[in-house]
């Protein structure tokens, strides 16, 4: 799980930059269209949760304790909820929200795997 967390943590950090640029574009499009959607702002929150969750995964990948994985589950869960709740016309936000759910499940499996190892 340590190598998987390393790879996924780096992937989260790289993808967060991509998501934030997409969110900025969606925010500008929402403003120009004056449609009242907040999908650009929600995408920014998802990107921040991806960034922070990726950093947490990198920092705690070698830890024997469960706190880092629990924190990552919470961060990715918040990102997924924000993304699904406010996706609107920014349909890529749903994809990033599903990615957040997958990452939360991987961290949950990491916790469950530590229980079996004990």
Protein backbone atom coordinates (compact mmCIF):
# COMPACT_ATOMS: atom_id res chain seq x y z
CA UNK A 1 0.00 0.00 0.00
CA UNK A 2 2.96 2.33 0.55
CA UNK A 3 3.88 2.43 -3.13
CA UNK A 4 0.24 2.85 -4.16
CA UNK A 5 -0.17 5.77 -1.77
CA UNK A 6 3.02 7.34 -3.13
CA UNK A 7 1.82 7.09 -6.73
CA UNK A 8 -1.72 8.24 -5.94
CA UNK A 9 -0.45 11.11 -3.79
CA UNK A 10 1.70 12.40 -6.63
CA UNK A 11 -1.17 11.89 -9.09
CA UNK A 12 -3.50 13.88 -6.81
CA UNK A 13 -1.08 16.78 -6.64
CA UNK A 14 -0.60 16.86 -10.41
CA UNK A 15 -4.33 16.51 -11.13
CA UNK A 16 -5.21 19.23 -8.65
CA UNK A 17 -3.39 21.76 -10.85
CA UNK A 18 -5.37 20.54 -13.87
CA UNK A 19 -8.67 20.68 -11.96
CA UNK A 20 -8.00 24.21 -10.70
CA UNK A 21 -7.37 25.47 -14.24
CA UNK A 22 -10.55 23.80 -15.46
CA UNK A 23 -12.45 25.32 -12.54
CA UNK A 24 -11.17 28.78 -13.34
CA UNK A 25 -12.36 28.37 -16.92
CA UNK A 26 -15.75 27.10 -15.74
CA UNK A 27 -16.03 30.01 -13.30
CA UNK A 28 -15.34 32.51 -16.07
CA UNK A 29 -17.89 30.77 -18.30
CA UNK A 30 -20.48 30.84 -15.50
CA UNK A 31 -19.84 34.54 -14.94
CA UNK A 32 -20.08 35.43 -18.64
CA UNK A 33 -23.24 33.36 -19.06
CA UNK A 34 -24.73 34.86 -15.88
CA UNK A 35 -26.40 31.51 -15.16
CA UNK A 36 -25.95 31.66 -11.38
CA UNK A 37 -24.03 28.39 -11.17
CA UNK A 38 -21.17 27.93 -8.73
CA UNK A 39 -19.51 24.96 -10.41
CA UNK A 40 -16.26 26.89 -10.90
CA UNK A 41 -15.98 27.63 -7.19
CA UNK A 42 -16.93 24.06 -6.29
CA UNK A 43 -14.24 22.82 -8.66
CA UNK A 44 -11.71 24.97 -6.84
CA UNK A 45 -12.73 23.36 -3.55
CA UNK A 46 -12.40 19.89 -5.12
CA UNK A 47 -8.94 20.82 -6.42
CA UNK A 48 -7.86 22.00 -2.97
CA UNK A 49 -9.16 18.79 -1.40
CA UNK A 50 -7.25 16.75 -4.00
CA UNK A 51 -4.08 18.73 -3.29
CA UNK A 52 -4.31 18.47 0.49
CA UNK A 53 -5.42 14.83 0.37
CA UNK A 54 -2.50 13.99 -1.91
CA UNK A 55 -0.08 15.69 0.46
CA UNK A 56 -1.57 13.78 3.40
CA UNK A 57 -1.22 10.50 1.50
CA UNK A 58 2.42 11.27 0.71
CA UNK A 59 3.26 12.36 4.22
CA UNK A 60 1.64 9.42 5.99
CA UNK A 61 2.28 6.58 3.54
CA UNK A 62 4.85 4.92 5.83
CA UNK A 63 2.90 5.50 9.03
CA UNK A 64 1.64 2.49 10.95
CA UNK A 65 -1.17 4.56 12.47
CA UNK A 66 -4.57 5.18 10.89
CA UNK A 67 -4.86 8.95 11.37
CA UNK A 68 -3.47 9.91 7.97
CA UNK A 69 -5.81 7.58 6.13
CA UNK A 70 -8.79 8.84 8.13
CA UNK A 71 -7.86 12.44 7.34
CA UNK A 72 -7.54 11.58 3.65
CA UNK A 73 -10.95 9.88 3.66
CA UNK A 74 -12.51 13.00 5.16
CA UNK A 75 -10.77 15.33 2.69
CA UNK A 76 -11.68 13.26 -0.35
CA UNK A 77 -15.23 12.83 0.97
CA UNK A 78 -15.66 16.59 1.28
CA UNK A 79 -14.30 17.02 -2.24
CA UNK A 80 -16.70 14.42 -3.62
CA UNK A 81 -19.74 15.92 -1.88
CA UNK A 82 -18.88 19.44 -3.04
CA UNK A 83 -18.30 18.23 -6.58
CA UNK A 84 -21.50 16.23 -6.92
CA UNK A 85 -23.65 18.84 -5.21
CA UNK A 86 -22.50 21.76 -7.37
CA UNK A 87 -21.44 20.25 -10.70
CA UNK A 88 -24.04 22.05 -12.82
CA UNK A 89 -22.85 22.46 -16.41
CA UNK A 90 -19.23 21.68 -15.46
CA UNK A 91 -19.62 17.95 -16.16
CA UNK A 92 -15.92 17.17 -15.62
CA UNK A 93 -16.47 17.97 -11.97
CA UNK A 94 -18.47 14.76 -11.68
CA UNK A 95 -15.45 12.83 -12.95
CA UNK A 96 -13.18 14.42 -10.34
CA UNK A 97 -15.78 13.69 -7.67
CA UNK A 98 -15.81 10.00 -8.63
CA UNK A 99 -11.99 10.07 -8.47
CA UNK A 100 -12.25 11.49 -4.94
CA UNK A 101 -14.60 8.65 -3.95
CA UNK A 102 -12.18 6.07 -5.37
CA UNK A 103 -9.34 7.62 -3.37
CA UNK A 104 -11.45 7.60 -0.20
CA UNK A 105 -12.24 3.91 -0.75
CA UNK A 106 -8.55 3.11 -1.27
CA UNK A 107 -7.72 4.83 2.01
CA UNK A 108 -10.54 2.93 3.72
CA UNK A 109 -9.13 -0.34 2.39
CA UNK A 110 -5.76 0.72 3.72
CA UNK A 111 -7.26 1.05 7.20
CA UNK A 112 -9.05 -2.29 6.92
CA UNK A 113 -5.85 -3.93 5.70
CA UNK A 114 -4.00 -2.66 8.78
CA UNK A 115 -6.65 -4.20 11.03
CA UNK A 116 -6.16 -7.64 9.41
CA UNK A 117 -2.39 -7.36 9.74
CA UNK A 118 -2.64 -6.80 13.50
